Amino acid sequence: MLGVFFFFVFFALIVLLLQLPKRQTTTATSSLNVALPTPAPEEFSESTDNGMAWWVKIVTETPHCTYFFGPFDSSSEAKQNQSGYLEDLEQEGAQGIEVAILQDRPETLTIYDEQE
């Protein structure tokens, strides 16, 4: 009888563990061989009025890439953090760098144009 009790307790624990939400994270690698963290969908900020977070969008000519860094709760927070991203790309040899602060919901954080 005690064995049946432990079986049901074990079974209940397994069922509970299978129902726990799993955090999904991935890591993207840029063409500059810099690991870029990719936030899980639940980490995207919904605190702005239109439901879209603020992002730093950086486009480079060489290599021809588009990077999205964020999400941030405000444009001023994004502006405060942009210099670190620019420094990293400059140290990696990126050229022709353009920066924009915008509200977006990017599906891909690093876009590499292979037509070079």
PDB file of N, CA and C in Angstrom:
ATOM      1  N   MET A   1       0.817  -1.192   0.000  1.00  0.00           N
ATOM      2  CA  MET A   1       0.000   0.000   0.000  1.00  0.00           C
ATOM      3  C   MET A   1       0.870   1.270   0.000  1.00  0.00           C
ATOM      4  N   LEU A   2       1.964   1.228   0.766  1.00  0.00           N
ATOM      5  CA  LEU A   2       2.864   2.371   0.827  1.00  0.00           C
ATOM      6  C   LEU A   2       3.532   2.611  -0.532  1.00  0.00           C
ATOM      7  N   GLY A   3       3.825   1.526  -1.254  1.00  0.00           N
ATOM      8  CA  GLY A   3       4.421   1.641  -2.580  1.00  0.00           C
ATOM      9  C   GLY A   3       3.497   2.357  -3.553  1.00  0.00           C
ATOM     10  N   VAL A   4       2.213   2.107  -3.478  1.00  0.00           N
ATOM     11  CA  VAL A   4       1.235   2.765  -4.338  1.00  0.00           C
ATOM     12  C   VAL A   4       1.191   4.260  -4.015  1.00  0.00           C
ATOM     13  N   PHE A   5       1.248   4.609  -2.736  1.00  0.00           N
ATOM     14  CA  PHE A   5       1.242   6.003  -2.317  1.00  0.00           C
ATOM     15  C   PHE A   5       2.444   6.748  -2.912  1.00  0.00           C
ATOM     16  N   PHE A   6       3.642   6.159  -2.773  1.00  0.00           N
ATOM     17  CA  PHE A   6       4.841   6.798  -3.319  1.00  0.00           C
ATOM     18  C   PHE A   6       4.787   6.886  -4.836  1.00  0.00           C
ATOM     19  N   PHE A   7       4.212   5.925  -5.478  1.00  0.00           N
ATOM     20  CA  PHE A   7       4.067   5.956  -6.937  1.00  0.00           C
ATOM     21  C   PHE A   7       3.240   7.175  -7.346  1.00  0.00           C
ATOM     22  N   PHE A   8       2.097   7.403  -6.662  1.00  0.00           N
ATOM     23  CA  PHE A   8       1.245   8.531  -7.014  1.00  0.00           C
ATOM     24  C   PHE A   8       1.900   9.870  -6.685  1.00  0.00           C
ATOM     25  N   VAL A   9       2.655   9.938  -5.591  1.00  0.00           N
ATOM     26  CA  VAL A   9       3.384  11.166  -5.262  1.00  0.00           C
ATOM     27  C   VAL A   9       4.439  11.442  -6.331  1.00  0.00           C
ATOM     28  N   PHE A  10       5.182  10.420  -6.714  1.00  0.00           N
ATOM     29  CA  PHE A  10       6.190  10.556  -7.764  1.00  0.00           C
ATOM     30  C   PHE A  10       5.541  10.985  -9.073  1.00  0.00           C
ATOM     31  N   PHE A  11       4.444  10.354  -9.427  1.00  0.00           N
ATOM     32  CA  PHE A  11       3.723  10.675 -10.661  1.00  0.00           C
ATOM     33  C   PHE A  11       3.244  12.136 -10.638  1.00  0.00           C
ATOM     34  N   ALA A  12       2.705  12.594  -9.508  1.00  0.00           N
ATOM     35  CA  ALA A  12       2.221  13.965  -9.386  1.00  0.00           C
ATOM     36  C   ALA A  12       3.370  14.970  -9.544  1.00  0.00           C
ATOM     37  N   LEU A  13       4.532  14.672  -8.974  1.00  0.00           N
ATOM     38  CA  LEU A  13       5.689  15.558  -9.116  1.00  0.00           C
ATOM     39  C   LEU A  13       6.148  15.651 -10.569  1.00  0.00           C
ATOM     40  N   ILE A  14       6.164  14.543 -11.257  1.00  0.00           N
ATOM     41  CA  ILE A  14       6.559  14.530 -12.670  1.00  0.00           C
ATOM     42  C   ILE A  14       5.594  15.381 -13.486  1.00  0.00           C
ATOM     43  N   VAL A  15       4.312  15.227 -13.249  1.00  0.00           N
ATOM     44  CA  VAL A  15       3.308  16.002 -13.980  1.00  0.00           C
ATOM     45  C   VAL A  15       3.494  17.490 -13.707  1.00  0.00           C
ATOM     46  N   LEU A  16       3.733  17.871 -12.461  1.00  0.00           N
ATOM     47  CA  LEU A  16       3.946  19.281 -12.123  1.00  0.00           C
ATOM     48  C   LEU A  16       5.195  19.835 -12.786  1.00  0.00           C
ATOM     49  N   LEU A  17       6.268  19.081 -12.795  1.00  0.00           N
ATOM     50  CA  LEU A  17       7.510  19.537 -13.417  1.00  0.00           C
ATOM     51  C   LEU A  17       7.352  19.715 -14.918  1.00  0.00           C
ATOM     52  N   LEU A  18       6.590  18.867 -15.554  1.00  0.00           N
ATOM     53  CA  LEU A  18       6.389  18.988 -16.998  1.00  0.00           C
ATOM     54  C   LEU A  18       5.555  20.200 -17.366  1.00  0.00           C
ATOM     55  N   GLN A  19       4.760  20.703 -16.434  1.00  0.00           N
ATOM     56  CA  GLN A  19       3.900  21.846 -16.714  1.00  0.00           C
ATOM     57  C   GLN A  19       4.566  23.179 -16.430  1.00  0.00           C
ATOM     58  N   LEU A  20       5.747  23.196 -15.807  1.00  0.00           N
ATOM     59  CA  LEU A  20       6.437  24.441 -15.522  1.00  0.00           C
ATOM     60  C   LEU A  20       6.873  25.093 -16.833  1.00  0.00           C
ATOM     61  N   PRO A  21       6.712  26.418 -16.946  1.00  0.00           N
ATOM     62  CA  PRO A  21       7.150  27.086 -18.171  1.00  0.00           C
ATOM     63  C   PRO A  21       8.665  27.040 -18.283  1.00  0.00           C
ATOM     64  N   LYS A  22       9.142  26.850 -19.485  1.00  0.00           N
ATOM     65  CA  LYS A  22      10.580  26.788 -19.732  1.00  0.00           C
ATOM     66  C   LYS A  22      11.031  28.091 -20.352  1.00  0.00           C
ATOM     67  N   ARG A  23      12.111  28.624 -19.846  1.00  0.00           N
ATOM     68  CA  ARG A  23      12.687  29.848 -20.381  1.00  0.00           C
ATOM     69  C   ARG A  23      13.448  29.509 -21.651  1.00  0.00           C
ATOM     70  N   GLN A  24      13.137  30.229 -22.710  1.00  0.00           N
ATOM     71  CA  GLN A  24      13.805  29.988 -23.976  1.00  0.00           C
ATOM     72  C   GLN A  24      14.765  31.128 -24.257  1.00  0.00           C
ATOM     73  N   THR A  25      16.029  30.796 -24.353  1.00  0.00           N
ATOM     74  CA  THR A  25      17.019  31.799 -24.725  1.00  0.00           C
ATOM     75  C   THR A  25      17.905  31.211 -25.806  1.00  0.00           C
ATOM     76  N   THR A  26      18.352  32.093 -26.657  1.00  0.00           N
ATOM     77  CA  THR A  26      19.281  31.684 -27.700  1.00  0.00           C
ATOM     78  C   THR A  26      20.396  32.720 -27.738  1.00  0.00           C
ATOM     79  N   THR A  27      21.466  32.392 -28.372  1.00  0.00           N
ATOM     80  CA  THR A  27      22.558  33.336 -28.546  1.00  0.00           C
ATOM     81  C   THR A  27      22.852  33.451 -30.028  1.00  0.00           C
ATOM     82  N   ALA A  28      22.851  34.684 -30.511  1.00  0.00           N
ATOM     83  CA  ALA A  28      23.176  34.939 -31.907  1.00  0.00           C
ATOM     84  C   ALA A  28      24.635  35.358 -31.977  1.00  0.00           C
ATOM     85  N   THR A  29      25.285  35.063 -33.067  1.00  0.00           N
ATOM     86  CA  THR A  29      26.660  35.484 -33.265  1.00  0.00           C
ATOM     87  C   THR A  29      26.697  36.399 -34.472  1.00  0.00           C
ATOM     88  N   SER A  30      27.292  37.553 -34.298  1.00  0.00           N
ATOM     89  CA  SER A  30      27.371  38.494 -35.402  1.00  0.00           C
ATOM     90  C   SER A  30      28.457  38.055 -36.372  1.00  0.00           C
ATOM     91  N   SER A  31      28.488  38.723 -37.500  1.00  0.00           N
ATOM     92  CA  SER A  31      29.527  38.425 -38.480  1.00  0.00           C
ATOM     93  C   SER A  31      30.899  38.847 -37.971  1.00  0.00           C
ATOM     94  N   LEU A  32      30.915  39.618 -36.894  1.00  0.00           N
ATOM     95  CA  LEU A  32      32.180  40.054 -36.301  1.00  0.00           C
ATOM     96  C   LEU A  32      32.620  39.094 -35.208  1.00  0.00           C
ATOM     97  N   ASN A  33      31.966  37.940 -35.117  1.00  0.00           N
ATOM     98  CA  ASN A  33      32.266  36.909 -34.123  1.00  0.00           C
ATOM     99  C   ASN A  33      32.102  37.410 -32.697  1.00  0.00           C
ATOM    100  N   VAL A  34      31.114  38.259 -32.475  1.00  0.00           N
ATOM    101  CA  VAL A  34      30.801  38.756 -31.151  1.00  0.00           C
ATOM    102  C   VAL A  34      29.485  38.114 -30.741  1.00  0.00           C
ATOM    103  N   ALA A  35      29.459  37.454 -29.617  1.00  0.00           N
ATOM    104  CA  ALA A  35      28.228  36.826 -29.154  1.00  0.00           C
ATOM    105  C   ALA A  35      27.258  37.909 -28.713  1.00  0.00           C
ATOM    106  N   LEU A  36      26.046  37.866 -29.234  1.00  0.00           N
ATOM    107  CA  LEU A  36      25.021  38.832 -28.904  1.00  0.00           C
ATOM    108  C   LEU A  36      23.900  38.112 -28.163  1.00  0.00           C
ATOM    109  N   PRO A  37      23.563  38.540 -26.941  1.00  0.00           N
ATOM    110  CA  PRO A  37      22.482  37.863 -26.224  1.00  0.00           C
ATOM    111  C   PRO A  37      21.143  38.143 -26.886  1.00  0.00           C
ATOM    112  N   THR A  38      20.322  37.142 -26.976  1.00  0.00           N
ATOM    113  CA  THR A  38      18.985  37.276 -27.524  1.00  0.00           C
ATOM    114  C   THR A  38      17.998  37.107 -26.388  1.00  0.00           C
ATOM    115  N   PRO A  39      17.260  38.152 -26.047  1.00  0.00           N
ATOM    116  CA  PRO A  39      16.332  38.007 -24.938  1.00  0.00           C
ATOM    117  C   PRO A  39      15.180  37.082 -25.284  1.00  0.00           C
ATOM    118  N   ALA A  40      14.682  36.386 -24.274  1.00  0.00           N
ATOM    119  CA  ALA A  40      13.497  35.560 -24.454  1.00  0.00           C
ATOM    120  C   ALA A  40      12.299  36.485 -24.655  1.00  0.00           C
ATOM    121  N   PRO A  41      11.245  36.022 -25.347  1.00  0.00           N
ATOM    122  CA  PRO A  41      10.100  36.896 -25.625  1.00  0.00           C
ATOM    123  C   PRO A  41       9.503  37.553 -24.394  1.00  0.00           C
ATOM    124  N   GLU A  42       9.491  36.866 -23.244  1.00  0.00           N
ATOM    125  CA  GLU A  42       8.899  37.463 -22.054  1.00  0.00           C
ATOM    126  C   GLU A  42       9.741  38.606 -21.500  1.00  0.00           C
ATOM    127  N   GLU A  43      10.979  38.768 -21.992  1.00  0.00           N
ATOM    128  CA  GLU A  43      11.840  39.842 -21.527  1.00  0.00           C
ATOM    129  C   GLU A  43      11.631  41.137 -22.310  1.00  0.00           C
ATOM    130  N   PHE A  44      10.880  41.096 -23.416  1.00  0.00           N
ATOM    131  CA  PHE A  44      10.618  42.306 -24.168  1.00  0.00           C
ATOM    132  C   PHE A  44       9.736  43.231 -23.337  1.00  0.00           C
ATOM    133  N   SER A  45      10.105  44.484 -23.268  1.00  0.00           N
ATOM    134  CA  SER A  45       9.385  45.437 -22.425  1.00  0.00           C
ATOM    135  C   SER A  45       8.028  45.768 -23.028  1.00  0.00           C
ATOM    136  N   GLU A  46       7.031  45.763 -22.201  1.00  0.00           N
ATOM    137  CA  GLU A  46       5.696  46.163 -22.612  1.00  0.00           C
ATOM    138  C   GLU A  46       5.283  47.432 -21.879  1.00  0.00           C
ATOM    139  N   SER A  47       6.246  48.153 -21.309  1.00  0.00           N
ATOM    140  CA  SER A  47       5.924  49.276 -20.445  1.00  0.00           C
ATOM    141  C   SER A  47       5.612  50.561 -21.200  1.00  0.00           C
ATOM    142  N   THR A  48       5.824  50.620 -22.503  1.00  0.00           N
ATOM    143  CA  THR A  48       5.534  51.828 -23.249  1.00  0.00           C
ATOM    144  C   THR A  48       4.070  51.835 -23.685  1.00  0.00           C
ATOM    145  N   ASP A  49       3.580  52.984 -24.068  1.00  0.00           N
ATOM    146  CA  ASP A  49       2.162  53.133 -24.399  1.00  0.00           C
ATOM    147  C   ASP A  49       1.711  52.228 -25.535  1.00  0.00           C
ATOM    148  N   ASN A  50       2.528  52.069 -26.558  1.00  0.00           N
ATOM    149  CA  ASN A  50       2.111  51.273 -27.712  1.00  0.00           C
ATOM    150  C   ASN A  50       2.568  49.816 -27.616  1.00  0.00           C
ATOM    151  N   GLY A  51       3.130  49.412 -26.489  1.00  0.00           N
ATOM    152  CA  GLY A  51       3.524  48.020 -26.299  1.00  0.00           C
ATOM    153  C   GLY A  51       4.843  47.653 -26.938  1.00  0.00           C
ATOM    154  N   MET A  52       5.564  48.619 -27.507  1.00  0.00           N
ATOM    155  CA  MET A  52       6.857  48.311 -28.127  1.00  0.00           C
ATOM    156  C   MET A  52       7.971  48.950 -27.311  1.00  0.00           C
ATOM    157  N   ALA A  53       9.038  48.206 -27.142  1.00  0.00           N
ATOM    158  CA  ALA A  53      10.186  48.685 -26.378  1.00  0.00           C
ATOM    159  C   ALA A  53      11.073  49.573 -27.254  1.00  0.00           C
ATOM    160  N   TRP A  54      12.005  50.242 -26.612  1.00  0.00           N
ATOM    161  CA  TRP A  54      12.988  51.073 -27.310  1.00  0.00           C
ATOM    162  C   TRP A  54      14.216  50.242 -27.622  1.00  0.00           C
ATOM    163  N   TRP A  55      14.798  50.466 -28.781  1.00  0.00           N
ATOM    164  CA  TRP A  55      15.952  49.709 -29.262  1.00  0.00           C
ATOM    165  C   TRP A  55      16.990  50.648 -29.842  1.00  0.00           C
ATOM    166  N   VAL A  56      18.245  50.239 -29.767  1.00  0.00           N
ATOM    167  CA  VAL A  56      19.327  50.902 -30.481  1.00  0.00           C
ATOM    168  C   VAL A  56      19.524  50.091 -31.764  1.00  0.00           C
ATOM    169  N   LYS A  57      19.311  50.737 -32.905  1.00  0.00           N
ATOM    170  CA  LYS A  57      19.502  50.077 -34.205  1.00  0.00           C
ATOM    171  C   LYS A  57      20.793  50.621 -34.803  1.00  0.00           C
ATOM    172  N   ILE A  58      21.722  49.721 -35.087  1.00  0.00           N
ATOM    173  CA  ILE A  58      23.004  50.121 -35.666  1.00  0.00           C
ATOM    174  C   ILE A  58      23.163  49.403 -37.003  1.00  0.00           C
ATOM    175  N   VAL A  59      23.409  50.197 -38.045  1.00  0.00           N
ATOM    176  CA  VAL A  59      23.643  49.659 -39.385  1.00  0.00           C
ATOM    177  C   VAL A  59      25.089  49.955 -39.745  1.00  0.00           C
ATOM    178  N   THR A  60      25.824  48.936 -40.203  1.00  0.00           N
ATOM    179  CA  THR A  60      27.211  49.123 -40.613  1.00  0.00           C
ATOM    180  C   THR A  60      27.347  48.829 -42.100  1.00  0.00           C
ATOM    181  N   GLU A  61      28.210  49.594 -42.754  1.00  0.00           N
ATOM    182  CA  GLU A  61      28.481  49.374 -44.185  1.00  0.00           C
ATOM    183  C   GLU A  61      29.422  48.196 -44.392  1.00  0.00           C
ATOM    184  N   THR A  62      30.476  48.124 -43.552  1.00  0.00           N
ATOM    185  CA  THR A  62      31.439  47.039 -43.658  1.00  0.00           C
ATOM    186  C   THR A  62      31.665  46.446 -42.287  1.00  0.00           C
ATOM    187  N   PRO A  63      31.247  45.241 -42.032  1.00  0.00           N
ATOM    188  CA  PRO A  63      30.413  44.400 -42.889  1.00  0.00           C
ATOM    189  C   PRO A  63      29.008  44.975 -42.962  1.00  0.00           C
ATOM    190  N   HIS A  64      28.275  44.635 -43.990  1.00  0.00           N
ATOM    191  CA  HIS A  64      26.923  45.164 -44.159  1.00  0.00           C
ATOM    192  C   HIS A  64      25.977  44.409 -43.238  1.00  0.00           C
ATOM    193  N   CYS A  65      25.741  44.990 -42.046  1.00  0.00           N
ATOM    194  CA  CYS A  65      24.919  44.348 -41.019  1.00  0.00           C
ATOM    195  C   CYS A  65      23.976  45.354 -40.390  1.00  0.00           C
ATOM    196  N   THR A  66      22.897  44.828 -39.832  1.00  0.00           N
ATOM    197  CA  THR A  66      21.986  45.604 -38.999  1.00  0.00           C
ATOM    198  C   THR A  66      21.902  44.902 -37.658  1.00  0.00           C
ATOM    199  N   TYR A  67      22.122  45.659 -36.592  1.00  0.00           N
ATOM    200  CA  TYR A  67      22.079  45.116 -35.232  1.00  0.00           C
ATOM    201  C   TYR A  67      20.996  45.836 -34.439  1.00  0.00           C
ATOM    202  N   PHE A  68      20.271  45.105 -33.624  1.00  0.00           N
ATOM    203  CA  PHE A  68      19.320  45.680 -32.688  1.00  0.00           C
ATOM    204  C   PHE A  68      19.793  45.342 -31.280  1.00  0.00           C
ATOM    205  N   PHE A  69      19.947  46.381 -30.432  1.00  0.00           N
ATOM    206  CA  PHE A  69      20.353  46.192 -29.051  1.00  0.00           C
ATOM    207  C   PHE A  69      19.230  46.707 -28.151  1.00  0.00           C
ATOM    208  N   GLY A  70      18.852  45.926 -27.186  1.00  0.00           N
ATOM    209  CA  GLY A  70      17.774  46.306 -26.295  1.00  0.00           C
ATOM    210  C   GLY A  70      17.181  45.054 -25.680  1.00  0.00           C
ATOM    211  N   PRO A  71      15.991  45.087 -25.208  1.00  0.00           N
ATOM    212  CA  PRO A  71      15.050  46.201 -25.201  1.00  0.00           C
ATOM    213  C   PRO A  71      15.305  47.150 -24.031  1.00  0.00           C
ATOM    214  N   PHE A  72      14.858  48.404 -24.211  1.00  0.00           N
ATOM    215  CA  PHE A  72      14.970  49.427 -23.181  1.00  0.00           C
ATOM    216  C   PHE A  72      13.587  49.998 -22.879  1.00  0.00           C
ATOM    217  N   ASP A  73      13.423  50.511 -21.679  1.00  0.00           N
ATOM    218  CA  ASP A  73      12.137  51.063 -21.261  1.00  0.00           C
ATOM    219  C   ASP A  73      11.895  52.475 -21.779  1.00  0.00           C
ATOM    220  N   SER A  74      12.964  53.179 -22.164  1.00  0.00           N
ATOM    221  CA  SER A  74      12.805  54.557 -22.644  1.00  0.00           C
ATOM    222  C   SER A  74      13.882  54.865 -23.672  1.00  0.00           C
ATOM    223  N   SER A  75      13.627  55.931 -24.452  1.00  0.00           N
ATOM    224  CA  SER A  75      14.629  56.340 -25.444  1.00  0.00           C
ATOM    225  C   SER A  75      15.888  56.847 -24.755  1.00  0.00           C
ATOM    226  N   SER A  76      15.739  57.503 -23.613  1.00  0.00           N
ATOM    227  CA  SER A  76      16.927  58.009 -22.916  1.00  0.00           C
ATOM    228  C   SER A  76      17.793  56.863 -22.394  1.00  0.00           C
ATOM    229  N   GLU A  77      17.171  55.777 -21.947  1.00  0.00           N
ATOM    230  CA  GLU A  77      17.945  54.606 -21.509  1.00  0.00           C
ATOM    231  C   GLU A  77      18.695  53.998 -22.683  1.00  0.00           C
ATOM    232  N   ALA A  78      18.044  53.935 -23.843  1.00  0.00           N
ATOM    233  CA  ALA A  78      18.708  53.400 -25.035  1.00  0.00           C
ATOM    234  C   ALA A  78      19.896  54.284 -25.430  1.00  0.00           C
ATOM    235  N   LYS A  79      19.710  55.620 -25.391  1.00  0.00           N
ATOM    236  CA  LYS A  79      20.795  56.544 -25.736  1.00  0.00           C
ATOM    237  C   LYS A  79      21.973  56.408 -24.777  1.00  0.00           C
ATOM    238  N   GLN A  80      21.685  56.191 -23.489  1.00  0.00           N
ATOM    239  CA  GLN A  80      22.751  56.040 -22.497  1.00  0.00           C
ATOM    240  C   GLN A  80      23.597  54.798 -22.765  1.00  0.00           C
ATOM    241  N   ASN A  81      23.003  53.767 -23.351  1.00  0.00           N
ATOM    242  CA  ASN A  81      23.708  52.505 -23.564  1.00  0.00           C
ATOM    243  C   ASN A  81      24.331  52.365 -24.951  1.00  0.00           C
ATOM    244  N   GLN A  82      24.007  53.245 -25.890  1.00  0.00           N
ATOM    245  CA  GLN A  82      24.460  53.069 -27.258  1.00  0.00           C
ATOM    246  C   GLN A  82      25.974  53.167 -27.416  1.00  0.00           C
ATOM    247  N   SER A  83      26.632  53.974 -26.604  1.00  0.00           N
ATOM    248  CA  SER A  83      28.072  54.174 -26.783  1.00  0.00           C
ATOM    249  C   SER A  83      28.858  52.880 -26.588  1.00  0.00           C
ATOM    250  N   GLY A  84      28.435  52.030 -25.671  1.00  0.00           N
ATOM    251  CA  GLY A  84      29.127  50.761 -25.460  1.00  0.00           C
ATOM    252  C   GLY A  84      29.044  49.853 -26.675  1.00  0.00           C
ATOM    253  N   TYR A  85      27.867  49.828 -27.313  1.00  0.00           N
ATOM    254  CA  TYR A  85      27.698  49.005 -28.511  1.00  0.00           C
ATOM    255  C   TYR A  85      28.539  49.548 -29.664  1.00  0.00           C
ATOM    256  N   LEU A  86      28.566  50.878 -29.791  1.00  0.00           N
ATOM    257  CA  LEU A  86      29.375  51.494 -30.842  1.00  0.00           C
ATOM    258  C   LEU A  86      30.854  51.201 -30.647  1.00  0.00           C
ATOM    259  N   GLU A  87      31.329  51.316 -29.423  1.00  0.00           N
ATOM    260  CA  GLU A  87      32.740  51.041 -29.140  1.00  0.00           C
ATOM    261  C   GLU A  87      33.104  49.607 -29.503  1.00  0.00           C
ATOM    262  N   ASP A  88      32.235  48.663 -29.140  1.00  0.00           N
ATOM    263  CA  ASP A  88      32.506  47.259 -29.459  1.00  0.00           C
ATOM    264  C   ASP A  88      32.604  47.038 -30.959  1.00  0.00           C
ATOM    265  N   LEU A  89      31.679  47.619 -31.717  1.00  0.00           N
ATOM    266  CA  LEU A  89      31.706  47.439 -33.175  1.00  0.00           C
ATOM    267  C   LEU A  89      32.920  48.122 -33.798  1.00  0.00           C
ATOM    268  N   GLU A  90      33.274  49.299 -33.310  1.00  0.00           N
ATOM    269  CA  GLU A  90      34.455  49.991 -33.827  1.00  0.00           C
ATOM    270  C   GLU A  90      35.724  49.197 -33.543  1.00  0.00           C
ATOM    271  N   GLN A  91      35.826  48.615 -32.346  1.00  0.00           N
ATOM    272  CA  GLN A  91      36.993  47.798 -32.008  1.00  0.00           C
ATOM    273  C   GLN A  91      37.078  46.552 -32.884  1.00  0.00           C
ATOM    274  N   GLU A  92      35.940  46.061 -33.344  1.00  0.00           N
ATOM    275  CA  GLU A  92      35.925  44.889 -34.227  1.00  0.00           C
ATOM    276  C   GLU A  92      36.188  45.259 -35.688  1.00  0.00           C
ATOM    277  N   GLY A  93      36.326  46.565 -35.972  1.00  0.00           N
ATOM    278  CA  GLY A  93      36.673  47.007 -37.315  1.00  0.00           C
ATOM    279  C   GLY A  93      35.494  47.369 -38.194  1.00  0.00           C
ATOM    280  N   ALA A  94      34.310  47.504 -37.629  1.00  0.00           N
ATOM    281  CA  ALA A  94      33.147  47.892 -38.429  1.00  0.00           C
ATOM    282  C   ALA A  94      33.326  49.324 -38.927  1.00  0.00           C
ATOM    283  N   GLN A  95      32.835  49.595 -40.146  1.00  0.00           N
ATOM    284  CA  GLN A  95      32.970  50.922 -40.752  1.00  0.00           C
ATOM    285  C   GLN A  95      31.610  51.374 -41.284  1.00  0.00           C
ATOM    286  N   GLY A  96      31.462  52.691 -41.463  1.00  0.00           N
ATOM    287  CA  GLY A  96      30.224  53.253 -41.987  1.00  0.00           C
ATOM    288  C   GLY A  96      29.061  53.005 -41.045  1.00  0.00           C
ATOM    289  N   ILE A  97      29.218  53.403 -39.796  1.00  0.00           N
ATOM    290  CA  ILE A  97      28.241  53.083 -38.755  1.00  0.00           C
ATOM    291  C   ILE A  97      27.180  54.172 -38.658  1.00  0.00           C
ATOM    292  N   GLU A  98      25.906  53.768 -38.696  1.00  0.00           N
ATOM    293  CA  GLU A  98      24.777  54.673 -38.497  1.00  0.00           C
ATOM    294  C   GLU A  98      23.959  54.161 -37.322  1.00  0.00           C
ATOM    295  N   VAL A  99      23.493  55.084 -36.478  1.00  0.00           N
ATOM    296  CA  VAL A  99      22.767  54.708 -35.263  1.00  0.00           C
ATOM    297  C   VAL A  99      21.391  55.364 -35.258  1.00  0.00           C
ATOM    298  N   ALA A 100      20.393  54.620 -34.820  1.00  0.00           N
ATOM    299  CA  ALA A 100      19.044  55.160 -34.637  1.00  0.00           C
ATOM    300  C   ALA A 100      18.466  54.594 -33.343  1.00  0.00           C
ATOM    301  N   ILE A 101      17.716  55.419 -32.648  1.00  0.00           N
ATOM    302  CA  ILE A 101      16.974  54.991 -31.461  1.00  0.00           C
ATOM    303  C   ILE A 101      15.508  54.953 -31.883  1.00  0.00           C
ATOM    304  N   LEU A 102      14.875  53.810 -31.737  1.00  0.00           N
ATOM    305  CA  LEU A 102      13.507  53.679 -32.204  1.00  0.00           C
ATOM    306  C   LEU A 102      12.718  52.672 -31.384  1.00  0.00           C
ATOM    307  N   GLN A 103      11.399  52.773 -31.499  1.00  0.00           N
ATOM    308  CA  GLN A 103      10.517  51.787 -30.895  1.00  0.00           C
ATOM    309  C   GLN A 103      10.233  50.735 -31.951  1.00  0.00           C
ATOM    310  N   ASP A 104      10.413  49.478 -31.580  1.00  0.00           N
ATOM    311  CA  ASP A 104      10.274  48.402 -32.545  1.00  0.00           C
ATOM    312  C   ASP A 104      10.038  47.111 -31.805  1.00  0.00           C
ATOM    313  N   ARG A 105       9.793  46.071 -32.548  1.00  0.00           N
ATOM    314  CA  ARG A 105       9.691  44.719 -32.015  1.00  0.00           C
ATOM    315  C   ARG A 105      10.427  43.818 -33.025  1.00  0.00           C
ATOM    316  N   PRO A 106      11.777  43.913 -33.048  1.00  0.00           N
ATOM    317  CA  PRO A 106      12.532  43.162 -34.062  1.00  0.00           C
ATOM    318  C   PRO A 106      12.396  41.660 -33.866  1.00  0.00           C
ATOM    319  N   GLU A 107      12.271  40.960 -34.981  1.00  0.00           N
ATOM    320  CA  GLU A 107      12.218  39.496 -34.943  1.00  0.00           C
ATOM    321  C   GLU A 107      13.617  38.901 -34.947  1.00  0.00           C
ATOM    322  N   THR A 108      14.554  39.604 -35.576  1.00  0.00           N
ATOM    323  CA  THR A 108      15.943  39.157 -35.664  1.00  0.00           C
ATOM    324  C   THR A 108      16.822  40.279 -35.144  1.00  0.00           C
ATOM    325  N   LEU A 109      17.757  39.937 -34.262  1.00  0.00           N
ATOM    326  CA  LEU A 109      18.590  40.970 -33.655  1.00  0.00           C
ATOM    327  C   LEU A 109      19.845  41.281 -34.448  1.00  0.00           C
ATOM    328  N   THR A 110      20.278  40.373 -35.293  1.00  0.00           N
ATOM    329  CA  THR A 110      21.440  40.609 -36.155  1.00  0.00           C
ATOM    330  C   THR A 110      21.090  40.164 -37.562  1.00  0.00           C
ATOM    331  N   ILE A 111      21.168  41.102 -38.513  1.00  0.00           N
ATOM    332  CA  ILE A 111      20.867  40.797 -39.907  1.00  0.00           C
ATOM    333  C   ILE A 111      22.142  41.040 -40.697  1.00  0.00           C
ATOM    334  N   TYR A 112      22.630  39.997 -41.343  1.00  0.00           N
ATOM    335  CA  TYR A 112      23.883  40.071 -42.102  1.00  0.00           C
ATOM    336  C   TYR A 112      23.582  39.926 -43.578  1.00  0.00           C
ATOM    337  N   ASP A 113      24.029  40.898 -44.370  1.00  0.00           N
ATOM    338  CA  ASP A 113      23.843  40.852 -45.820  1.00  0.00           C
ATOM    339  C   ASP A 113      25.039  40.142 -46.431  1.00  0.00           C
ATOM    340  N   GLU A 114      24.833  38.952 -46.949  1.00  0.00           N
ATOM    341  CA  GLU A 114      25.930  38.144 -47.469  1.00  0.00           C
ATOM    342  C   GLU A 114      26.348  38.510 -48.883  1.00  0.00           C
ATOM    343  N   GLN A 115      25.828  39.580 -49.453  1.00  0.00           N
ATOM    344  CA  GLN A 115      26.137  39.953 -50.835  1.00  0.00           C
ATOM    345  C   GLN A 115      27.453  40.678 -50.970  1.00  0.00           C
ATOM    346  N   GLU A 116      28.214  40.767 -49.903  1.00  0.00           N
ATOM    347  CA  GLU A 116      29.510  41.469 -49.976  1.00  0.00           C
ATOM    348  C   GLU A 116      30.489  40.695 -50.807  1.00  0.00           C
TER     349      GLU A 116
END
